[in-house]
PDB file of N, CA and C in Angstrom:
ATOM      1  N   MET A   1      79.729  93.968 106.719  1.00  0.00           N
ATOM      2  CA  MET A   1      80.084  95.289 107.150  1.00  0.00           C
ATOM      3  C   MET A   1      81.400  95.640 106.467  1.00  0.00           C
ATOM      4  N   SER A   2      81.513  96.847 105.960  1.00  0.00           N
ATOM      5  CA  SER A   2      82.744  97.328 105.334  1.00  0.00           C
ATOM      6  C   SER A   2      83.323  98.452 106.176  1.00  0.00           C
ATOM      7  N   ILE A   3      84.654  98.475 106.274  1.00  0.00           N
ATOM      8  CA  ILE A   3      85.330  99.572 106.948  1.00  0.00           C
ATOM      9  C   ILE A   3      86.382 100.126 105.992  1.00  0.00           C
ATOM     10  N   PHE A   4      86.547 101.453 105.987  1.00  0.00           N
ATOM     11  CA  PHE A   4      87.434 102.132 105.051  1.00  0.00           C
ATOM     12  C   PHE A   4      88.465 102.956 105.796  1.00  0.00           C
ATOM     13  N   ASP A   5      89.685 103.014 105.235  1.00  0.00           N
ATOM     14  CA  ASP A   5      90.687 103.906 105.794  1.00  0.00           C
ATOM     15  C   ASP A   5      90.639 105.232 105.043  1.00  0.00           C
ATOM     16  N   GLU A   6      91.570 106.118 105.331  1.00  0.00           N
ATOM     17  CA  GLU A   6      91.557 107.454 104.733  1.00  0.00           C
ATOM     18  C   GLU A   6      91.806 107.434 103.230  1.00  0.00           C
ATOM     19  N   GLU A   7      92.386 106.358 102.711  1.00  0.00           N
ATOM     20  CA  GLU A   7      92.647 106.242 101.278  1.00  0.00           C
ATOM     21  C   GLU A   7      91.592 105.383 100.577  1.00  0.00           C
ATOM     22  N   SER A   8      90.498 105.115 101.256  1.00  0.00           N
ATOM     23  CA  SER A   8      89.380 104.314 100.756  1.00  0.00           C
ATOM     24  C   SER A   8      89.751 102.866 100.466  1.00  0.00           C
ATOM     25  N   HIS A   9      90.813 102.364 101.094  1.00  0.00           N
ATOM     26  CA  HIS A   9      91.064 100.930 101.055  1.00  0.00           C
ATOM     27  C   HIS A   9      90.100 100.298 102.045  1.00  0.00           C
ATOM     28  N   ASN A  10      89.475  99.240 101.649  1.00  0.00           N
ATOM     29  CA  ASN A  10      88.451  98.703 102.533  1.00  0.00           C
ATOM     30  C   ASN A  10      88.763  97.295 102.999  1.00  0.00           C
ATOM     31  N   LEU A  11      88.223  96.992 104.163  1.00  0.00           N
ATOM     32  CA  LEU A  11      88.229  95.657 104.742  1.00  0.00           C
ATOM     33  C   LEU A  11      86.784  95.267 104.987  1.00  0.00           C
ATOM     34  N   TYR A  12      86.512  93.998 104.944  1.00  0.00           N
ATOM     35  CA  TYR A  12      85.159  93.502 105.143  1.00  0.00           C
ATOM     36  C   TYR A  12      85.111  92.647 106.391  1.00  0.00           C
ATOM     37  N   ILE A  13      84.010  92.758 107.116  1.00  0.00           N
ATOM     38  CA  ILE A  13      83.812  91.932 108.300  1.00  0.00           C
ATOM     39  C   ILE A  13      82.651  90.992 108.032  1.00  0.00           C
ATOM     40  N   ASN A  14      82.953  89.710 108.075  1.00  0.00           N
ATOM     41  CA  ASN A  14      81.934  88.672 107.870  1.00  0.00           C
ATOM     42  C   ASN A  14      81.641  88.015 109.202  1.00  0.00           C
ATOM     43  N   GLY A  15      80.378  88.013 109.557  1.00  0.00           N
ATOM     44  CA  GLY A  15      79.971  87.401 110.816  1.00  0.00           C
ATOM     45  C   GLY A  15      78.962  86.310 110.587  1.00  0.00           C
ATOM     46  N   PRO A  16      78.576  85.654 111.644  1.00  0.00           N
ATOM     47  CA  PRO A  16      77.588  84.576 111.525  1.00  0.00           C
ATOM     48  C   PRO A  16      76.191  85.133 111.267  1.00  0.00           C
ATOM     49  N   PHE A  17      75.324  84.270 110.767  1.00  0.00           N
ATOM     50  CA  PHE A  17      73.938  84.664 110.519  1.00  0.00           C
ATOM     51  C   PHE A  17      73.218  84.942 111.835  1.00  0.00           C
ATOM     52  N   VAL A  18      73.468  84.116 112.832  1.00  0.00           N
ATOM     53  CA  VAL A  18      72.880  84.288 114.166  1.00  0.00           C
ATOM     54  C   VAL A  18      74.007  84.702 115.100  1.00  0.00           C
ATOM     55  N   THR A  19      73.843  85.847 115.761  1.00  0.00           N
ATOM     56  CA  THR A  19      74.931  86.382 116.584  1.00  0.00           C
ATOM     57  C   THR A  19      74.765  86.124 118.069  1.00  0.00           C
ATOM     58  N   CYS A  20      73.721  85.439 118.475  1.00  0.00           N
ATOM     59  CA  CYS A  20      73.599  85.125 119.902  1.00  0.00           C
ATOM     60  C   CYS A  20      74.344  83.824 120.156  1.00  0.00           C
ATOM     61  N   GLY A  21      75.526  83.948 120.716  1.00  0.00           N
ATOM     62  CA  GLY A  21      76.381  82.788 120.918  1.00  0.00           C
ATOM     63  C   GLY A  21      76.099  82.106 122.232  1.00  0.00           C
ATOM     64  N   LEU A  22      74.960  81.477 122.359  1.00  0.00           N
ATOM     65  CA  LEU A  22      74.609  80.794 123.595  1.00  0.00           C
ATOM     66  C   LEU A  22      75.512  79.577 123.761  1.00  0.00           C
ATOM     67  N   TYR A  23      76.295  79.572 124.815  1.00  0.00           N
ATOM     68  CA  TYR A  23      77.226  78.500 125.161  1.00  0.00           C
ATOM     69  C   TYR A  23      78.391  78.349 124.181  1.00  0.00           C
ATOM     70  N   ARG A  24      78.690  79.378 123.388  1.00  0.00           N
ATOM     71  CA  ARG A  24      79.823  79.287 122.468  1.00  0.00           C
ATOM     72  C   ARG A  24      80.318  80.687 122.115  1.00  0.00           C
ATOM     73  N   ASP A  25      81.541  80.757 121.614  1.00  0.00           N
ATOM     74  CA  ASP A  25      82.104  82.013 121.135  1.00  0.00           C
ATOM     75  C   ASP A  25      81.493  82.362 119.782  1.00  0.00           C
ATOM     76  N   VAL A  26      81.483  83.652 119.451  1.00  0.00           N
ATOM     77  CA  VAL A  26      80.999  84.123 118.153  1.00  0.00           C
ATOM     78  C   VAL A  26      82.145  84.856 117.480  1.00  0.00           C
ATOM     79  N   SER A  27      82.502  84.441 116.258  1.00  0.00           N
ATOM     80  CA  SER A  27      83.630  85.028 115.541  1.00  0.00           C
ATOM     81  C   SER A  27      83.172  85.848 114.354  1.00  0.00           C
ATOM     82  N   PHE A  28      83.855  86.971 114.154  1.00  0.00           N
ATOM     83  CA  PHE A  28      83.664  87.839 113.003  1.00  0.00           C
ATOM     84  C   PHE A  28      85.020  87.926 112.300  1.00  0.00           C
ATOM     85  N   ASP A  29      85.103  87.463 111.048  1.00  0.00           N
ATOM     86  CA  ASP A  29      86.356  87.471 110.306  1.00  0.00           C
ATOM     87  C   ASP A  29      86.536  88.803 109.593  1.00  0.00           C
ATOM     88  N   VAL A  30      87.745  89.344 109.649  1.00  0.00           N
ATOM     89  CA  VAL A  30      88.097  90.568 108.935  1.00  0.00           C
ATOM     90  C   VAL A  30      88.840  90.139 107.680  1.00  0.00           C
ATOM     91  N   MET A  31      88.300  90.534 106.520  1.00  0.00           N
ATOM     92  CA  MET A  31      88.833  90.052 105.252  1.00  0.00           C
ATOM     93  C   MET A  31      89.151  91.204 104.309  1.00  0.00           C
ATOM     94  N   THR A  32      90.085  90.964 103.395  1.00  0.00           N
ATOM     95  CA  THR A  32      90.386  91.914 102.337  1.00  0.00           C
ATOM     96  C   THR A  32      89.407  91.700 101.197  1.00  0.00           C
ATOM     97  N   LYS A  33      89.455  92.607 100.212  1.00  0.00           N
ATOM     98  CA  LYS A  33      88.518  92.476  99.097  1.00  0.00           C
ATOM     99  C   LYS A  33      88.801  91.255  98.226  1.00  0.00           C
ATOM    100  N   ASP A  34      90.023  90.713  98.290  1.00  0.00           N
ATOM    101  CA  ASP A  34      90.314  89.502  97.531  1.00  0.00           C
ATOM    102  C   ASP A  34      90.041  88.223  98.319  1.00  0.00           C
ATOM    103  N   GLY A  35      89.498  88.349  99.533  1.00  0.00           N
ATOM    104  CA  GLY A  35      89.059  87.201 100.306  1.00  0.00           C
ATOM    105  C   GLY A  35      90.038  86.670 101.335  1.00  0.00           C
ATOM    106  N   GLY A  36      91.195  87.298 101.483  1.00  0.00           N
ATOM    107  CA  GLY A  36      92.157  86.857 102.480  1.00  0.00           C
ATOM    108  C   GLY A  36      91.777  87.343 103.871  1.00  0.00           C
ATOM    109  N   THR A  37      91.940  86.496 104.869  1.00  0.00           N
ATOM    110  CA  THR A  37      91.614  86.864 106.248  1.00  0.00           C
ATOM    111  C   THR A  37      92.816  87.564 106.881  1.00  0.00           C
ATOM    112  N   VAL A  38      92.580  88.754 107.433  1.00  0.00           N
ATOM    113  CA  VAL A  38      93.658  89.527 108.060  1.00  0.00           C
ATOM    114  C   VAL A  38      93.440  89.716 109.555  1.00  0.00           C
ATOM    115  N   GLY A  39      92.345  89.219 110.067  1.00  0.00           N
ATOM    116  CA  GLY A  39      92.088  89.345 111.493  1.00  0.00           C
ATOM    117  C   GLY A  39      90.771  88.715 111.885  1.00  0.00           C
ATOM    118  N   THR A  40      90.554  88.664 113.190  1.00  0.00           N
ATOM    119  CA  THR A  40      89.328  88.102 113.741  1.00  0.00           C
ATOM    120  C   THR A  40      88.916  88.902 114.967  1.00  0.00           C
ATOM    121  N   VAL A  41      87.629  89.176 115.070  1.00  0.00           N
ATOM    122  CA  VAL A  41      87.046  89.747 116.281  1.00  0.00           C
ATOM    123  C   VAL A  41      86.160  88.658 116.852  1.00  0.00           C
ATOM    124  N   ARG A  42      86.459  88.226 118.073  1.00  0.00           N
ATOM    125  CA  ARG A  42      85.716  87.111 118.663  1.00  0.00           C
ATOM    126  C   ARG A  42      85.115  87.525 120.003  1.00  0.00           C
ATOM    127  N   LYS A  43      83.789  87.354 120.117  1.00  0.00           N
ATOM    128  CA  LYS A  43      83.104  87.567 121.385  1.00  0.00           C
ATOM    129  C   LYS A  43      83.136  86.241 122.126  1.00  0.00           C
ATOM    130  N   GLU A  44      83.776  86.239 123.277  1.00  0.00           N
ATOM    131  CA  GLU A  44      83.924  84.999 124.032  1.00  0.00           C
ATOM    132  C   GLU A  44      82.737  84.762 124.952  1.00  0.00           C
ATOM    133  N   TRP A  45      82.322  83.511 125.022  1.00  0.00           N
ATOM    134  CA  TRP A  45      81.291  83.094 125.962  1.00  0.00           C
ATOM    135  C   TRP A  45      81.896  83.136 127.351  1.00  0.00           C
ATOM    136  N   ALA A  46      81.293  83.882 128.260  1.00  0.00           N
ATOM    137  CA  ALA A  46      81.859  84.096 129.594  1.00  0.00           C
ATOM    138  C   ALA A  46      81.312  83.130 130.636  1.00  0.00           C
ATOM    139  N   GLY A  47      80.383  82.307 130.265  1.00  0.00           N
ATOM    140  CA  GLY A  47      79.769  81.405 131.230  1.00  0.00           C
ATOM    141  C   GLY A  47      78.367  81.867 131.564  1.00  0.00           C
ATOM    142  N   LEU A  48      77.543  80.956 131.956  1.00  0.00           N
ATOM    143  CA  LEU A  48      76.131  81.236 132.179  1.00  0.00           C
ATOM    144  C   LEU A  48      75.907  82.293 133.252  1.00  0.00           C
ATOM    145  N   GLU A  49      76.607  82.200 134.365  1.00  0.00           N
ATOM    146  CA  GLU A  49      76.393  83.155 135.463  1.00  0.00           C
ATOM    147  C   GLU A  49      76.756  84.580 135.055  1.00  0.00           C
ATOM    148  N   GLN A  50      77.921  84.768 134.428  1.00  0.00           N
ATOM    149  CA  GLN A  50      78.310  86.121 134.038  1.00  0.00           C
ATOM    150  C   GLN A  50      77.401  86.662 132.946  1.00  0.00           C
ATOM    151  N   GLU A  51      77.045  85.835 131.980  1.00  0.00           N
ATOM    152  CA  GLU A  51      76.166  86.292 130.910  1.00  0.00           C
ATOM    153  C   GLU A  51      74.787  86.669 131.455  1.00  0.00           C
ATOM    154  N   LYS A  52      74.327  85.944 132.457  1.00  0.00           N
ATOM    155  CA  LYS A  52      73.013  86.208 133.040  1.00  0.00           C
ATOM    156  C   LYS A  52      73.036  87.418 133.964  1.00  0.00           C
ATOM    157  N   GLN A  53      74.100  87.589 134.726  1.00  0.00           N
ATOM    158  CA  GLN A  53      74.164  88.607 135.769  1.00  0.00           C
ATOM    159  C   GLN A  53      74.695  89.964 135.295  1.00  0.00           C
ATOM    160  N   SER A  54      75.382  90.006 134.162  1.00  0.00           N
ATOM    161  CA  SER A  54      76.132  91.205 133.815  1.00  0.00           C
ATOM    162  C   SER A  54      75.969  91.558 132.345  1.00  0.00           C
ATOM    163  N   ASP A  55      76.204  92.818 132.034  1.00  0.00           N
ATOM    164  CA  ASP A  55      76.241  93.273 130.646  1.00  0.00           C
ATOM    165  C   ASP A  55      77.668  93.285 130.099  1.00  0.00           C
ATOM    166  N   CYS A  56      78.637  92.837 130.886  1.00  0.00           N
ATOM    167  CA  CYS A  56      80.029  92.808 130.457  1.00  0.00           C
ATOM    168  C   CYS A  56      80.214  91.746 129.375  1.00  0.00           C
ATOM    169  N   ASP A  57      80.991  92.085 128.368  1.00  0.00           N
ATOM    170  CA  ASP A  57      81.327  91.151 127.303  1.00  0.00           C
ATOM    171  C   ASP A  57      82.835  91.083 127.176  1.00  0.00           C
ATOM    172  N   ASN A  58      83.333  89.926 126.786  1.00  0.00           N
ATOM    173  CA  ASN A  58      84.764  89.721 126.583  1.00  0.00           C
ATOM    174  C   ASN A  58      85.032  89.530 125.098  1.00  0.00           C
ATOM    175  N   TYR A  59      85.970  90.309 124.557  1.00  0.00           N
ATOM    176  CA  TYR A  59      86.333  90.226 123.152  1.00  0.00           C
ATOM    177  C   TYR A  59      87.811  89.926 123.013  1.00  0.00           C
ATOM    178  N   VAL A  60      88.148  89.169 121.986  1.00  0.00           N
ATOM    179  CA  VAL A  60      89.533  88.925 121.593  1.00  0.00           C
ATOM    180  C   VAL A  60      89.656  89.421 120.161  1.00  0.00           C
ATOM    181  N   ILE A  61      90.649  90.278 119.917  1.00  0.00           N
ATOM    182  CA  ILE A  61      90.893  90.802 118.578  1.00  0.00           C
ATOM    183  C   ILE A  61      92.262  90.303 118.142  1.00  0.00           C
ATOM    184  N   GLU A  62      92.302  89.584 117.032  1.00  0.00           N
ATOM    185  CA  GLU A  62      93.551  89.054 116.491  1.00  0.00           C
ATOM    186  C   GLU A  62      93.833  89.743 115.162  1.00  0.00           C
ATOM    187  N   PHE A  63      95.091  90.193 114.987  1.00  0.00           N
ATOM    188  CA  PHE A  63      95.508  90.895 113.776  1.00  0.00           C
ATOM    189  C   PHE A  63      96.544  90.075 113.032  1.00  0.00           C
ATOM    190  N   ASP A  64      96.547  90.228 111.717  1.00  0.00           N
ATOM    191  CA  ASP A  64      97.628  89.706 110.906  1.00  0.00           C
ATOM    192  C   ASP A  64      98.850  90.594 111.145  1.00  0.00           C
ATOM    193  N   GLY A  65     100.029  90.034 111.084  1.00  0.00           N
ATOM    194  CA  GLY A  65     101.246  90.772 111.411  1.00  0.00           C
ATOM    195  C   GLY A  65     101.599  91.906 110.464  1.00  0.00           C
ATOM    196  N   ASN A  66     101.091  91.903 109.242  1.00  0.00           N
ATOM    197  CA  ASN A  66     101.500  92.930 108.287  1.00  0.00           C
ATOM    198  C   ASN A  66     100.493  94.072 108.138  1.00  0.00           C
ATOM    199  N   LEU A  67      99.581  94.229 109.068  1.00  0.00           N
ATOM    200  CA  LEU A  67      98.644  95.350 109.017  1.00  0.00           C
ATOM    201  C   LEU A  67      99.300  96.615 109.561  1.00  0.00           C
ATOM    202  N   ARG A  68      98.922  97.738 108.983  1.00  0.00           N
ATOM    203  CA  ARG A  68      99.395  99.029 109.492  1.00  0.00           C
ATOM    204  C   ARG A  68      98.629  99.364 110.769  1.00  0.00           C
ATOM    205  N   SER A  69      99.173 100.285 111.546  1.00  0.00           N
ATOM    206  CA  SER A  69      98.539 100.642 112.819  1.00  0.00           C
ATOM    207  C   SER A  69      97.170 101.295 112.608  1.00  0.00           C
ATOM    208  N   ASP A  70      96.993 102.044 111.521  1.00  0.00           N
ATOM    209  CA  ASP A  70      95.677 102.645 111.274  1.00  0.00           C
ATOM    210  C   ASP A  70      94.642 101.586 110.916  1.00  0.00           C
ATOM    211  N   GLN A  71      95.049 100.513 110.249  1.00  0.00           N
ATOM    212  CA  GLN A  71      94.125  99.426 109.952  1.00  0.00           C
ATOM    213  C   GLN A  71      93.753  98.665 111.228  1.00  0.00           C
ATOM    214  N   LYS A  72      94.713  98.507 112.122  1.00  0.00           N
ATOM    215  CA  LYS A  72      94.419  97.874 113.411  1.00  0.00           C
ATOM    216  C   LYS A  72      93.441  98.719 114.216  1.00  0.00           C
ATOM    217  N   ALA A  73      93.606 100.044 114.159  1.00  0.00           N
ATOM    218  CA  ALA A  73      92.678 100.946 114.851  1.00  0.00           C
ATOM    219  C   ALA A  73      91.275 100.846 114.253  1.00  0.00           C
ATOM    220  N   LEU A  74      91.177 100.679 112.933  1.00  0.00           N
ATOM    221  CA  LEU A  74      89.870 100.496 112.293  1.00  0.00           C
ATOM    222  C   LEU A  74      89.198  99.212 112.760  1.00  0.00           C
ATOM    223  N   ILE A  75      89.972  98.139 112.886  1.00  0.00           N
ATOM    224  CA  ILE A  75      89.403  96.870 113.346  1.00  0.00           C
ATOM    225  C   ILE A  75      88.955  96.987 114.804  1.00  0.00           C
ATOM    226  N   LEU A  76      89.729  97.681 115.624  1.00  0.00           N
ATOM    227  CA  LEU A  76      89.328  97.919 117.012  1.00  0.00           C
ATOM    228  C   LEU A  76      88.027  98.716 117.061  1.00  0.00           C
ATOM    229  N   SER A  77      87.923  99.745 116.239  1.00  0.00           N
ATOM    230  CA  SER A  77      86.686 100.539 116.175  1.00  0.00           C
ATOM    231  C   SER A  77      85.514  99.701 115.688  1.00  0.00           C
ATOM    232  N   ALA A  78      85.769  98.825 114.738  1.00  0.00           N
ATOM    233  CA  ALA A  78      84.711  97.940 114.244  1.00  0.00           C
ATOM    234  C   ALA A  78      84.253  96.976 115.332  1.00  0.00           C
ATOM    235  N   ALA A  79      85.169  96.535 116.197  1.00  0.00           N
ATOM    236  CA  ALA A  79      84.786  95.647 117.305  1.00  0.00           C
ATOM    237  C   ALA A  79      83.831  96.363 118.259  1.00  0.00           C
ATOM    238  N   ILE A  80      84.091  97.642 118.502  1.00  0.00           N
ATOM    239  CA  ILE A  80      83.186  98.428 119.354  1.00  0.00           C
ATOM    240  C   ILE A  80      81.823  98.567 118.683  1.00  0.00           C
ATOM    241  N   LEU A  81      81.830  98.784 117.370  1.00  0.00           N
ATOM    242  CA  LEU A  81      80.567  98.883 116.634  1.00  0.00           C
ATOM    243  C   LEU A  81      79.816  97.552 116.632  1.00  0.00           C
ATOM    244  N   ILE A  82      80.517  96.438 116.507  1.00  0.00           N
ATOM    245  CA  ILE A  82      79.878  95.118 116.570  1.00  0.00           C
ATOM    246  C   ILE A  82      79.205  94.937 117.920  1.00  0.00           C
ATOM    247  N   ASP A  83      79.912  95.285 118.990  1.00  0.00           N
ATOM    248  CA  ASP A  83      79.327  95.162 120.333  1.00  0.00           C
ATOM    249  C   ASP A  83      78.069  96.016 120.459  1.00  0.00           C
ATOM    250  N   TYR A  84      78.141  97.242 120.013  1.00  0.00           N
ATOM    251  CA  TYR A  84      77.004  98.150 120.122  1.00  0.00           C
ATOM    252  C   TYR A  84      75.831  97.687 119.258  1.00  0.00           C
ATOM    253  N   THR A  85      76.113  97.243 118.038  1.00  0.00           N
ATOM    254  CA  THR A  85      75.060  96.876 117.094  1.00  0.00           C
ATOM    255  C   THR A  85      74.355  95.574 117.479  1.00  0.00           C
ATOM    256  N   PHE A  86      75.120  94.560 117.865  1.00  0.00           N
ATOM    257  CA  PHE A  86      74.537  93.232 118.048  1.00  0.00           C
ATOM    258  C   PHE A  86      74.258  92.856 119.504  1.00  0.00           C
ATOM    259  N   TYR A  87      74.948  93.484 120.464  1.00  0.00           N
ATOM    260  CA  TYR A  87      74.861  92.970 121.823  1.00  0.00           C
ATOM    261  C   TYR A  87      74.413  93.990 122.880  1.00  0.00           C
ATOM    262  N   GLU A  88      74.189  95.217 122.507  1.00  0.00           N
ATOM    263  CA  GLU A  88      73.744  96.222 123.481  1.00  0.00           C
ATOM    264  C   GLU A  88      72.320  96.637 123.170  1.00  0.00           C
ATOM    265  N   GLY A  89      71.610  97.066 124.185  1.00  0.00           N
ATOM    266  CA  GLY A  89      70.290  97.639 123.975  1.00  0.00           C
ATOM    267  C   GLY A  89      69.223  96.652 124.080  1.00  0.00           C
TER     268      GLY A  89
END
């Protein structure tokens, strides 16, 4: 998945081949075009009871310290898109 800012600078999100994280967390790395990791979006395993009983998901978003606020907002938006694309419906 690619995300672009207003100046067409892009970041890439690399995720696992299988996104159903049964009994484990699932991580999506946010990378630059030269391959450096600048952040991570991680869907945390909430436990069998919560996963079975609820549609609630827990996410942790980690940013590199030198990202601009608009890039952080793009990663946050991408986390919402990841949730909608892979885990809802």
